[in-house]
Amino acid sequence: MASTALFPSASLHRLSFAAAAAAAGGSRHGLRTPLARGSRVSMSAISVGSTAASAVDDALFSDYKPSSAFFFPGQGAQAVGMGKDAQGVEASAELFRKANAILGFDLLDVCANGPKEKLDSTVISQPAIYVTSLAAVEILRSRDGGQNIIDSIDVTCGLSLGEYTALAFAGAFSFEDGLRLVKLRGEAMQDAADAANSAMVSVIGLDSEKVQLLCDAANEEVDENEKVQIANFLCPGNYAVSGGVKGVEAVEAKAKSFKARMTVRLAVAGAFHTKFMEPAVSRLEAALAATEICSPRIPVISNVDAKPHANPDMIKKILASQVTSPVQWELTVKTLLGKGLKKSYELGPGKVIAGIVKRVDRGAEIENISA
């Protein structure tokens, strides 16, 4: 899974987290990527486990100065019909064919035709969004001026699941390895959710401090294993709360007294980005340990701390902890804009991230590239 707070409007009403971006590294990664320049790392792939990988300074990108960004959506952005446009571009269609071989089923058929209930499941939606988002990169590349846009990107990030898409785009791992990780991630998160009676709810119309007070009030009325916390700091006035079902119900019951405009129960498997996902961590750690990860060519902003990381071992630790850590998306967007980000693109299904960015800064320039 990867789910995030949902917006009450129709176009934003199924938002979730997630993160994994387009593949890089020439033929090694399947997807072509821009040459290193500016804040990019012009080194060849550095494998985890090698002396060089261990020596990579994790703060390599700490002084990055963003100008153009790629954003990748997370779980909740999926919609029946996505992926159809990708079939008109051979490089995009090839990604779906590769995905079929790894996943063992026809991913495009599920994306294009549903049924909705199947596409919305955590184990299907995560790989579907990952592949469709990277297919959008290839669609952009095929357009006049598209390669120039791709070459101009000097920072990337993704919402929860989308962080994996961003890392793939930045060349940290191959398209295929990223898809295997995303597949396992979805399965592990689904299993963790099945093991506990948990839920998520989006609280609309309060700042984060008041949402925390609302959580504190709800937690006073439930047992320890039912307590809630903010799981996604999405954007001003929209924060997702995760926890035991009784804790979530207490949040819903008390929200009006805290002057919340509304609450929206999220259609996700369970309490993502909380301790309820701890059973998924060991499975992710094992899969990440067996995966070749390189230092990204451009900064990839982490959901856990809203900072870029360059050391492959640290990237693995961050990805393993991401499923139990609150998503710092609001801080990520504010930091990028504060550092001078001029133009951004949302690649993949839906326009959830564009809506978020506009809520942070109405004047922000962002364009959607769908597939």
Protein backbone atom coordinates (compact mmCIF):
# COMPACT_ATOMS: atom_id res chain seq x y z
CA MET A 1 0.00 0.00 0.00
CA ALA A 2 0.73 3.52 0.24
CA SER A 3 -2.06 5.71 1.03
CA THR A 4 -2.46 9.30 1.89
CA ALA A 5 -5.07 11.72 2.95
CA LEU A 6 -7.82 12.20 0.48
CA PHE A 7 -9.29 15.40 -0.73
CA PRO A 8 -13.07 15.82 -0.46
CA SER A 9 -13.38 16.94 -4.09
CA ALA A 10 -14.12 14.32 -6.73
CA SER A 11 -10.82 14.66 -8.57
CA LEU A 12 -8.80 14.34 -5.37
CA HIS A 13 -11.00 11.98 -3.44
CA ARG A 14 -8.88 8.87 -3.52
CA LEU A 15 -5.42 10.13 -2.70
CA SER A 16 -2.86 7.88 -1.04
CA PHE A 17 0.90 7.91 -0.63
CA ALA A 18 3.60 6.25 -2.40
CA ALA A 19 6.81 6.86 -4.32
CA ALA A 20 9.01 5.35 -7.02
CA ALA A 21 10.21 7.16 -10.14
CA ALA A 22 11.43 6.52 -13.61
CA ALA A 23 14.35 4.27 -14.31
CA ALA A 24 17.77 5.55 -15.11
CA GLY A 25 21.24 4.42 -16.05
CA GLY A 26 20.91 3.76 -19.77
CA SER A 27 20.34 0.15 -20.77
CA ARG A 28 20.97 -1.03 -17.21
CA HIS A 29 17.77 0.61 -16.04
CA GLY A 30 15.63 0.16 -19.14
CA LEU A 31 14.55 3.81 -19.17
CA ARG A 32 16.84 6.49 -20.53
CA THR A 33 17.81 9.31 -18.21
CA PRO A 34 19.47 12.70 -18.57
CA LEU A 35 23.21 13.09 -18.38
CA ALA A 36 24.54 14.22 -15.05
CA ARG A 37 24.92 17.96 -14.71
CA GLY A 38 24.36 20.76 -12.22
CA SER A 39 23.38 19.13 -8.94
CA ARG A 40 23.50 15.72 -10.61
CA VAL A 41 26.08 13.12 -9.66
CA SER A 42 28.23 12.29 -12.67
CA MET A 43 29.50 9.05 -11.21
CA SER A 44 28.81 5.63 -12.62
CA ALA A 45 26.45 3.33 -10.78
CA ILE A 46 27.69 2.61 -7.26
CA SER A 47 26.44 -0.65 -5.87
CA VAL A 48 25.49 -1.11 -2.26
CA GLY A 49 27.88 -3.42 -0.50
CA SER A 50 30.93 -2.08 -2.32
CA THR A 51 33.53 0.04 -0.61
CA ALA A 52 32.63 2.94 -2.86
CA ALA A 53 28.94 2.72 -1.95
CA SER A 54 29.71 2.78 1.76
CA ALA A 55 31.94 5.79 1.25
CA VAL A 56 29.32 7.93 -0.51
CA ASP A 57 28.63 10.99 1.59
CA ASP A 58 24.92 10.91 2.44
CA ALA A 59 24.92 14.71 2.56
CA LEU A 60 26.13 14.97 -1.04
CA PHE A 61 22.95 16.80 -2.09
CA SER A 62 22.43 18.82 1.09
CA ASP A 63 22.98 22.17 -0.65
CA TYR A 64 20.82 21.38 -3.68
CA LYS A 65 19.15 24.27 -5.48
CA PRO A 66 16.04 23.03 -7.29
CA SER A 67 14.66 24.66 -10.41
CA SER A 68 12.61 21.92 -12.09
CA ALA A 69 11.04 18.90 -10.38
CA PHE A 70 9.28 15.66 -11.22
CA PHE A 71 6.59 14.59 -8.73
CA PHE A 72 5.21 11.05 -8.70
CA PRO A 73 1.84 10.07 -7.17
CA GLY A 74 1.06 7.44 -4.57
CA GLN A 75 -1.67 4.94 -3.92
CA GLY A 76 -5.08 6.47 -4.39
CA ALA A 77 -4.23 8.13 -7.70
CA GLN A 78 -5.24 5.02 -9.63
CA ALA A 79 -8.32 5.04 -11.87
CA VAL A 80 -9.75 2.53 -14.31
CA GLY A 81 -8.64 3.56 -17.79
CA MET A 82 -5.12 4.59 -16.88
CA GLY A 83 -2.31 3.24 -19.00
CA LYS A 84 -4.22 3.37 -22.28
CA ASP A 85 -2.30 6.37 -23.58
CA ALA A 86 0.96 4.55 -22.92
CA GLN A 87 0.21 2.03 -25.65
CA GLY A 88 0.71 4.67 -28.32
CA VAL A 89 4.39 5.07 -27.37
CA GLU A 90 6.57 2.00 -27.83
CA ALA A 91 8.89 2.75 -24.88
CA SER A 92 5.89 3.11 -22.57
CA ALA A 93 4.18 -0.01 -23.90
CA GLU A 94 7.40 -1.93 -23.33
CA LEU A 95 7.30 -1.09 -19.62
CA PHE A 96 3.90 -2.75 -19.32
CA ARG A 97 5.17 -5.83 -21.15
CA LYS A 98 8.12 -6.06 -18.77
CA ALA A 99 5.76 -5.61 -15.83
CA ASN A 100 3.58 -8.50 -16.98
CA ALA A 101 6.54 -10.83 -16.86
CA ILE A 102 7.50 -9.74 -13.34
CA LEU A 103 3.98 -9.59 -11.88
CA GLY A 104 2.61 -12.69 -13.57
CA PHE A 105 -0.59 -11.06 -14.87
CA ASP A 106 -1.70 -8.57 -17.52
CA LEU A 107 -1.23 -5.27 -15.69
CA LEU A 108 -2.48 -3.13 -18.57
CA ASP A 109 -5.75 -5.07 -18.70
CA VAL A 110 -6.41 -4.34 -15.02
CA CYS A 111 -5.41 -0.69 -15.40
CA ALA A 112 -7.49 -0.12 -18.51
CA ASN A 113 -10.51 -2.27 -17.74
CA GLY A 114 -10.61 -2.88 -14.00
CA PRO A 115 -12.67 -3.94 -12.22
CA LYS A 116 -12.23 -0.96 -9.90
CA GLU A 117 -12.20 -3.14 -6.77
CA LYS A 118 -9.25 -5.10 -8.11
CA LEU A 119 -7.30 -2.04 -9.22
CA ASP A 120 -7.91 -0.33 -5.86
CA SER A 121 -6.39 -3.21 -3.88
CA THR A 122 -3.04 -2.43 -2.32
CA VAL A 123 -1.24 -5.30 -4.04
CA ILE A 124 -2.40 -4.17 -7.50
CA SER A 125 -2.57 -0.38 -7.23
CA GLN A 126 1.01 0.09 -6.08
CA PRO A 127 2.71 -1.64 -9.04
CA ALA A 128 0.06 -0.18 -11.38
CA ILE A 129 0.85 3.39 -10.35
CA TYR A 130 4.60 2.77 -10.41
CA VAL A 131 4.52 1.44 -13.97
CA THR A 132 2.02 4.00 -15.26
CA SER A 133 4.03 6.87 -13.78
CA LEU A 134 7.23 5.73 -15.46
CA ALA A 135 5.29 5.20 -18.68
CA ALA A 136 4.31 8.88 -18.44
CA VAL A 137 8.01 9.78 -18.47
CA GLU A 138 8.37 7.96 -21.79
CA ILE A 139 5.27 9.65 -23.17
CA LEU A 140 6.79 13.01 -22.28
CA ARG A 141 10.09 12.00 -23.87
CA SER A 142 8.31 11.19 -27.13
CA ARG A 143 6.85 14.70 -27.43
CA ASP A 144 8.50 17.69 -29.06
CA GLY A 145 10.73 19.25 -26.43
CA GLY A 146 10.08 16.40 -24.00
CA GLN A 147 13.68 15.30 -23.76
CA ASN A 148 14.72 18.87 -22.98
CA ILE A 149 12.25 18.93 -20.09
CA ILE A 150 13.57 15.62 -18.76
CA ASP A 151 17.13 16.91 -19.04
CA SER A 152 16.16 20.01 -17.04
CA ILE A 153 14.90 18.08 -14.00
CA ASP A 154 17.26 18.57 -11.07
CA VAL A 155 15.19 17.18 -8.20
CA THR A 156 12.46 14.56 -7.80
CA CYS A 157 10.23 13.05 -5.15
CA GLY A 158 7.08 11.00 -4.80
CA LEU A 159 4.22 10.57 -2.41
CA SER A 160 4.85 7.43 -0.34
CA LEU A 161 4.83 4.74 -3.02
CA GLY A 162 5.92 7.48 -5.41
CA GLU A 163 9.29 7.69 -3.66
CA TYR A 164 10.18 4.39 -5.32
CA THR A 165 9.21 5.84 -8.70
CA ALA A 166 11.36 8.89 -8.03
CA LEU A 167 14.34 6.73 -7.10
CA ALA A 168 13.96 4.71 -10.28
CA PHE A 169 13.82 7.88 -12.37
CA ALA A 170 16.96 9.13 -10.62
CA GLY A 171 18.82 5.90 -11.40
CA ALA A 172 19.01 4.51 -7.87
CA PHE A 173 17.71 1.16 -9.11
CA SER A 174 16.42 -0.36 -12.33
CA PHE A 175 12.79 -0.30 -13.45
CA GLU A 176 12.62 -4.05 -12.92
CA ASP A 177 14.15 -4.04 -9.44
CA GLY A 178 11.94 -1.14 -8.43
CA LEU A 179 8.85 -3.00 -9.59
CA ARG A 180 9.86 -6.08 -7.60
CA LEU A 181 10.29 -3.93 -4.51
CA VAL A 182 6.95 -2.21 -5.05
CA LYS A 183 5.22 -5.57 -5.56
CA LEU A 184 6.63 -6.91 -2.30
CA ARG A 185 5.86 -3.65 -0.51
CA GLY A 186 2.21 -3.83 -1.48
CA GLU A 187 1.96 -7.45 -0.41
CA ALA A 188 3.72 -6.84 2.92
CA MET A 189 1.58 -3.81 3.74
CA GLN A 190 -1.59 -5.66 2.84
CA ASP A 191 -0.61 -8.56 5.12
CA ALA A 192 0.22 -6.16 7.95
CA ALA A 193 -3.15 -4.45 7.51
CA ASP A 194 -4.97 -7.80 7.52
CA ALA A 195 -3.35 -8.63 10.86
CA ALA A 196 -4.85 -5.63 12.66
CA ASN A 197 -8.17 -3.82 12.86
CA SER A 198 -6.99 -0.39 11.71
CA ALA A 199 -8.02 2.48 9.45
CA MET A 200 -7.18 5.94 8.13
CA VAL A 201 -9.17 9.16 8.03
CA SER A 202 -8.48 12.51 6.42
CA VAL A 203 -9.14 15.54 8.61
CA ILE A 204 -10.07 18.60 6.56
CA GLY A 205 -9.93 22.23 7.66
CA LEU A 206 -7.53 22.19 10.61
CA ASP A 207 -3.85 23.03 10.90
CA SER A 208 -1.47 20.27 11.95
CA GLU A 209 -1.25 21.47 15.56
CA LYS A 210 -5.01 21.20 16.02
CA VAL A 211 -5.07 17.80 14.34
CA GLN A 212 -2.46 16.65 16.84
CA LEU A 213 -4.65 17.93 19.69
CA LEU A 214 -7.57 16.06 18.15
CA CYS A 215 -5.49 12.88 18.09
CA ASP A 216 -4.47 13.43 21.72
CA ALA A 217 -8.11 13.80 22.74
CA ALA A 218 -9.10 10.66 20.86
CA ASN A 219 -6.24 8.68 22.37
CA GLU A 220 -7.44 9.48 25.89
CA GLU A 221 -10.53 7.38 25.20
CA VAL A 222 -9.02 4.25 23.66
CA ASP A 223 -6.62 1.46 24.59
CA GLU A 224 -2.96 1.60 23.63
CA ASN A 225 -3.43 -0.69 20.63
CA GLU A 226 -6.17 1.59 19.25
CA LYS A 227 -4.30 4.89 19.44
CA VAL A 228 -3.94 7.17 16.43
CA GLN A 229 -1.34 9.54 15.02
CA ILE A 230 -0.89 11.87 12.08
CA ALA A 231 0.35 9.63 9.28
CA ASN A 232 0.51 12.11 6.43
CA PHE A 233 1.30 15.79 6.67
CA LEU A 234 -0.17 16.41 3.24
CA CYS A 235 -0.85 20.12 2.86
CA PRO A 236 -2.39 22.96 4.87
CA GLY A 237 -5.84 21.91 6.04
CA ASN A 238 -5.51 18.27 4.99
CA TYR A 239 -3.85 15.69 7.21
CA ALA A 240 -4.33 11.93 7.33
CA VAL A 241 -4.71 10.21 10.71
CA SER A 242 -4.00 6.48 11.10
CA GLY A 243 -4.55 4.00 13.91
CA GLY A 244 -6.90 1.49 15.42
CA VAL A 245 -10.49 1.58 14.20
CA LYS A 246 -11.79 2.70 17.59
CA GLY A 247 -9.24 5.51 17.69
CA VAL A 248 -10.20 6.61 14.19
CA GLU A 249 -13.87 6.54 15.16
CA ALA A 250 -13.05 8.75 18.15
CA VAL A 251 -11.32 11.22 15.83
CA GLU A 252 -14.38 11.30 13.60
CA ALA A 253 -16.69 11.83 16.56
CA LYS A 254 -14.63 14.68 18.02
CA ALA A 255 -13.62 16.44 14.80
CA LYS A 256 -16.54 18.89 14.74
CA SER A 257 -15.85 20.03 18.28
CA PHE A 258 -12.33 20.93 17.13
CA LYS A 259 -13.83 22.98 14.26
CA ALA A 260 -12.79 20.58 11.52
CA ARG A 261 -14.69 21.17 8.29
CA MET A 262 -15.11 17.45 7.67
CA THR A 263 -13.50 14.03 7.92
CA VAL A 264 -13.17 11.54 5.09
CA ARG A 265 -12.58 7.86 5.88
CA LEU A 266 -9.97 6.60 3.44
CA ALA A 267 -10.60 3.52 1.34
CA VAL A 268 -7.31 1.84 2.22
CA ALA A 269 -6.41 -1.50 3.74
CA GLY A 270 -5.23 -0.21 7.10
CA ALA A 271 -3.20 2.25 9.14
CA PHE A 272 -0.36 2.98 6.79
CA HIS A 273 2.71 4.93 7.96
CA THR A 274 2.27 3.93 11.61
CA LYS A 275 3.44 1.17 13.94
CA PHE A 276 0.65 -1.00 12.53
CA MET A 277 2.91 -1.54 9.50
CA GLU A 278 5.82 -2.89 11.57
CA PRO A 279 5.26 -6.49 10.35
CA ALA A 280 6.07 -5.27 6.83
CA VAL A 281 9.44 -3.78 7.78
CA SER A 282 11.48 -6.98 8.05
CA ARG A 283 10.24 -8.20 4.67
CA LEU A 284 11.17 -4.87 3.10
CA GLU A 285 14.58 -4.90 4.76
CA ALA A 286 15.32 -8.35 3.34
CA ALA A 287 14.21 -7.35 -0.15
CA LEU A 288 16.16 -4.10 -0.04
CA ALA A 289 19.30 -5.90 1.17
CA ALA A 290 19.11 -8.14 -1.90
CA THR A 291 18.58 -5.22 -4.30
CA GLU A 292 21.35 -3.31 -6.05
CA ILE A 293 20.90 0.37 -5.18
CA CYS A 294 23.08 3.21 -6.41
CA SER A 295 23.55 6.81 -5.43
CA PRO A 296 20.87 8.82 -7.32
CA ARG A 297 21.99 11.14 -10.09
CA ILE A 298 19.80 13.95 -8.79
CA PRO A 299 18.39 14.65 -5.32
CA VAL A 300 15.43 12.45 -4.34
CA ILE A 301 13.57 13.93 -1.40
CA SER A 302 12.66 11.40 1.30
CA ASN A 303 9.14 11.17 2.70
CA VAL A 304 10.60 10.43 6.14
CA ASP A 305 12.61 13.61 6.72
CA ALA A 306 12.02 15.79 3.63
CA LYS A 307 15.74 15.62 2.79
CA PRO A 308 17.74 14.10 -0.08
CA HIS A 309 19.98 11.11 0.64
CA ALA A 310 22.93 9.96 -1.45
CA ASN A 311 24.34 6.97 0.43
CA PRO A 312 22.79 3.70 -0.84
CA ASP A 313 22.80 2.09 2.59
CA MET A 314 20.95 5.07 4.04
CA ILE A 315 18.44 4.98 1.19
CA LYS A 316 17.68 1.36 2.08
CA LYS A 317 17.15 2.26 5.73
CA ILE A 318 14.92 5.17 4.78
CA LEU A 319 12.74 3.01 2.50
CA ALA A 320 12.35 0.34 5.17
CA SER A 321 11.33 2.88 7.81
CA GLN A 322 9.05 4.81 5.46
CA VAL A 323 6.08 2.46 5.91
CA THR A 324 5.97 3.15 9.66
CA SER A 325 6.89 6.86 9.51
CA PRO A 326 4.64 9.88 8.88
CA VAL A 327 4.90 11.28 5.36
CA GLN A 328 6.41 14.78 5.44
CA TRP A 329 4.91 15.91 2.14
CA GLU A 330 3.88 19.41 3.21
CA LEU A 331 7.40 20.13 4.44
CA THR A 332 8.84 18.67 1.24
CA VAL A 333 6.80 20.96 -1.02
CA LYS A 334 7.41 24.04 1.15
CA THR A 335 11.15 23.34 1.22
CA LEU A 336 11.36 22.94 -2.55
CA LEU A 337 9.44 26.14 -3.18
CA GLY A 338 11.46 27.96 -0.55
CA LYS A 339 14.69 26.87 -2.22
CA GLY A 340 13.56 28.40 -5.49
CA LEU A 341 11.70 25.66 -7.40
CA LYS A 342 10.28 27.31 -10.51
CA LYS A 343 8.51 24.56 -12.46
CA SER A 344 7.25 21.09 -11.63
CA TYR A 345 5.55 18.20 -13.37
CA GLU A 346 3.28 15.48 -11.99
CA LEU A 347 3.81 12.27 -13.92
CA GLY A 348 1.28 9.48 -13.67
CA PRO A 349 -2.43 8.98 -13.09
CA GLY A 350 -4.58 11.71 -11.58
CA LYS A 351 -3.83 15.26 -10.52
CA VAL A 352 -3.64 14.79 -6.76
CA ILE A 353 -0.14 16.23 -6.36
CA ALA A 354 -0.96 19.27 -8.48
CA GLY A 355 -3.84 20.02 -6.12
CA ILE A 356 -1.56 19.65 -3.10
CA VAL A 357 1.11 21.94 -4.52
CA LYS A 358 -1.51 24.59 -5.33
CA ARG A 359 -2.78 24.42 -1.75
CA VAL A 360 0.71 25.12 -0.50
CA ASP A 361 1.29 27.94 -3.03
CA ARG A 362 -1.46 29.07 -5.38
CA GLY A 363 1.13 30.62 -7.68
CA ALA A 364 3.19 27.44 -8.09
CA GLU A 365 3.62 26.27 -11.67
CA ILE A 366 2.87 22.56 -12.14
CA GLU A 367 1.86 20.51 -15.18
CA ASN A 368 0.39 17.01 -15.31
CA ILE A 369 1.71 14.36 -17.68
CA SER A 370 -0.62 11.36 -17.65
CA ALA A 371 -0.38 7.94 -19.25
